[in-house]
Amino acid sequence: MDSPDGELSILILDDPQIARLNHQYRNRQGPTNVLAFPMQEGDFSDINPDLIGDVVISIETTAKEAEQMKMSIEKRFNFLLVHGILHLFGYDHEKSEEAAVKMDQKTEELIKLITIED
């Protein structure tokens, strides 16, 4: 993804905390599973070109989704982390169906790279 020296922060929150961020930055009510805040665009993008951005994950929502999907919380967390990182690199599944498919394909490709088979 062309950022070998890039750095990002990962913040793990509970549902009330991520709900506040979701409302403040996306004007949406309630918790969400993951938020991404890219730092390579916007007013402060020139401060540190290696700073990719922040990925914020709700551990409560992650656990609920993992249970609903009948998968481990680790697997769901890894998916959301990769999903959030892709947002930092400009992927956006909300633009169009084609963009969603492209993002899903890239997510699966990266998940395979980081998954250790038993």
Protein backbone atom coordinates (compact mmCIF):
# COMPACT_ATOMS: atom_id res chain seq x y z
CA MET A 1 0.00 0.00 0.00
CA ASP A 2 3.05 2.18 -0.47
CA SER A 3 3.66 3.28 3.09
CA PRO A 4 6.46 1.15 4.53
CA ASP A 5 7.47 3.79 7.07
CA GLY A 6 3.97 5.05 7.77
CA GLU A 7 2.57 5.13 11.25
CA LEU A 8 -0.94 5.05 12.58
CA SER A 9 -2.61 4.99 15.93
CA ILE A 10 -5.20 2.47 17.03
CA LEU A 11 -7.65 3.48 19.72
CA ILE A 12 -9.95 0.92 21.32
CA LEU A 13 -13.06 2.38 22.95
CA ASP A 14 -16.39 1.28 24.39
CA ASP A 15 -19.73 2.04 22.73
CA PRO A 16 -20.52 5.33 24.55
CA GLN A 17 -17.08 6.72 23.70
CA ILE A 18 -17.24 5.83 19.99
CA ALA A 19 -20.86 7.05 19.83
CA ARG A 20 -19.64 10.51 20.89
CA LEU A 21 -17.01 10.51 18.15
CA ASN A 22 -19.50 9.18 15.62
CA HIS A 23 -21.86 12.04 16.44
CA GLN A 24 -19.13 14.70 16.59
CA TYR A 25 -17.36 13.78 13.34
CA ARG A 26 -20.00 12.04 11.24
CA ASN A 27 -23.19 13.51 12.67
CA ARG A 28 -24.56 10.01 13.18
CA GLN A 29 -26.27 8.78 16.31
CA GLY A 30 -25.15 5.77 18.29
CA PRO A 31 -22.06 3.60 18.28
CA THR A 32 -20.36 2.25 15.20
CA ASN A 33 -17.79 -0.50 14.85
CA VAL A 34 -14.88 1.51 13.38
CA LEU A 35 -13.97 5.09 12.55
CA ALA A 36 -10.96 6.25 10.57
CA PHE A 37 -9.35 9.67 10.65
CA PRO A 38 -6.84 10.12 7.81
CA MET A 39 -3.94 12.50 8.40
CA GLN A 40 -2.57 12.60 4.85
CA GLU A 41 -5.26 14.96 3.64
CA GLY A 42 -6.69 18.20 4.93
CA ASP A 43 -5.26 21.23 6.70
CA PHE A 44 -2.53 19.45 8.65
CA SER A 45 -1.39 16.85 6.12
CA ASP A 46 2.06 18.43 5.77
CA ILE A 47 2.96 18.15 9.48
CA ASN A 48 4.29 14.60 9.22
CA PRO A 49 4.05 12.84 5.84
CA ASP A 50 4.58 9.43 7.51
CA LEU A 51 1.55 9.83 9.78
CA ILE A 52 -1.24 7.89 8.09
CA GLY A 53 -3.98 8.54 10.64
CA ASP A 54 -6.06 7.06 13.43
CA VAL A 55 -8.27 3.98 13.51
CA VAL A 56 -10.83 3.89 16.32
CA ILE A 57 -12.59 0.59 17.10
CA SER A 58 -15.41 -0.10 19.53
CA ILE A 59 -14.55 -3.30 21.36
CA GLU A 60 -18.16 -3.65 22.53
CA THR A 61 -19.60 -3.46 19.02
CA THR A 62 -16.82 -5.73 17.76
CA ALA A 63 -17.75 -8.35 20.37
CA LYS A 64 -21.47 -8.10 19.55
CA GLU A 65 -20.83 -8.44 15.82
CA ALA A 66 -18.44 -11.36 16.34
CA GLU A 67 -21.09 -13.18 18.36
CA GLN A 68 -23.77 -12.47 15.74
CA MET A 69 -21.45 -13.65 12.96
CA LYS A 70 -20.36 -16.69 14.98
CA MET A 71 -16.68 -15.83 14.73
CA SER A 72 -13.95 -15.00 17.19
CA ILE A 73 -13.62 -11.47 18.44
CA GLU A 74 -10.02 -11.53 17.20
CA LYS A 75 -11.11 -12.30 13.65
CA ARG A 76 -13.74 -9.55 13.68
CA PHE A 77 -11.29 -7.08 15.23
CA ASN A 78 -8.68 -7.85 12.56
CA PHE A 79 -11.27 -7.31 9.84
CA LEU A 80 -12.31 -3.95 11.31
CA LEU A 81 -8.69 -2.88 11.72
CA VAL A 82 -7.88 -3.64 8.08
CA HIS A 83 -11.16 -1.98 7.04
CA GLY A 84 -10.23 1.15 8.99
CA ILE A 85 -6.71 1.23 7.55
CA LEU A 86 -8.14 1.02 4.04
CA HIS A 87 -10.26 4.07 4.83
CA LEU A 88 -7.03 5.88 5.76
CA PHE A 89 -5.73 5.10 2.26
CA GLY A 90 -8.82 6.52 0.60
CA TYR A 91 -11.03 3.46 0.16
CA ASP A 92 -14.68 4.30 0.71
CA HIS A 93 -17.41 1.66 0.48
CA GLU A 94 -20.15 4.29 0.75
CA LYS A 95 -19.34 5.97 -2.59
CA SER A 96 -20.79 3.26 -4.82
CA GLU A 97 -21.43 -0.45 -5.12
CA GLU A 98 -18.26 -0.75 -7.22
CA ALA A 99 -16.23 1.00 -4.50
CA ALA A 100 -17.72 -1.33 -1.89
CA VAL A 101 -16.76 -4.41 -3.91
CA LYS A 102 -13.24 -3.07 -4.45
CA MET A 103 -12.84 -2.37 -0.73
CA ASP A 104 -14.17 -5.80 0.24
CA GLN A 105 -11.73 -7.48 -2.17
CA LYS A 106 -8.78 -5.50 -0.82
CA THR A 107 -9.85 -6.24 2.76
CA GLU A 108 -9.96 -9.98 2.09
CA GLU A 109 -6.60 -9.85 0.29
CA LEU A 110 -4.95 -8.13 3.27
CA ILE A 111 -6.67 -10.36 5.83
CA LYS A 112 -5.16 -13.38 4.07
CA LEU A 113 -1.71 -11.82 4.39
CA ILE A 114 -1.97 -11.37 8.15
CA THR A 115 -3.90 -14.53 9.02
CA ILE A 116 -1.98 -17.43 10.48
CA GLU A 117 -3.62 -20.74 9.69
CA ASP A 118 -3.95 -23.29 12.50
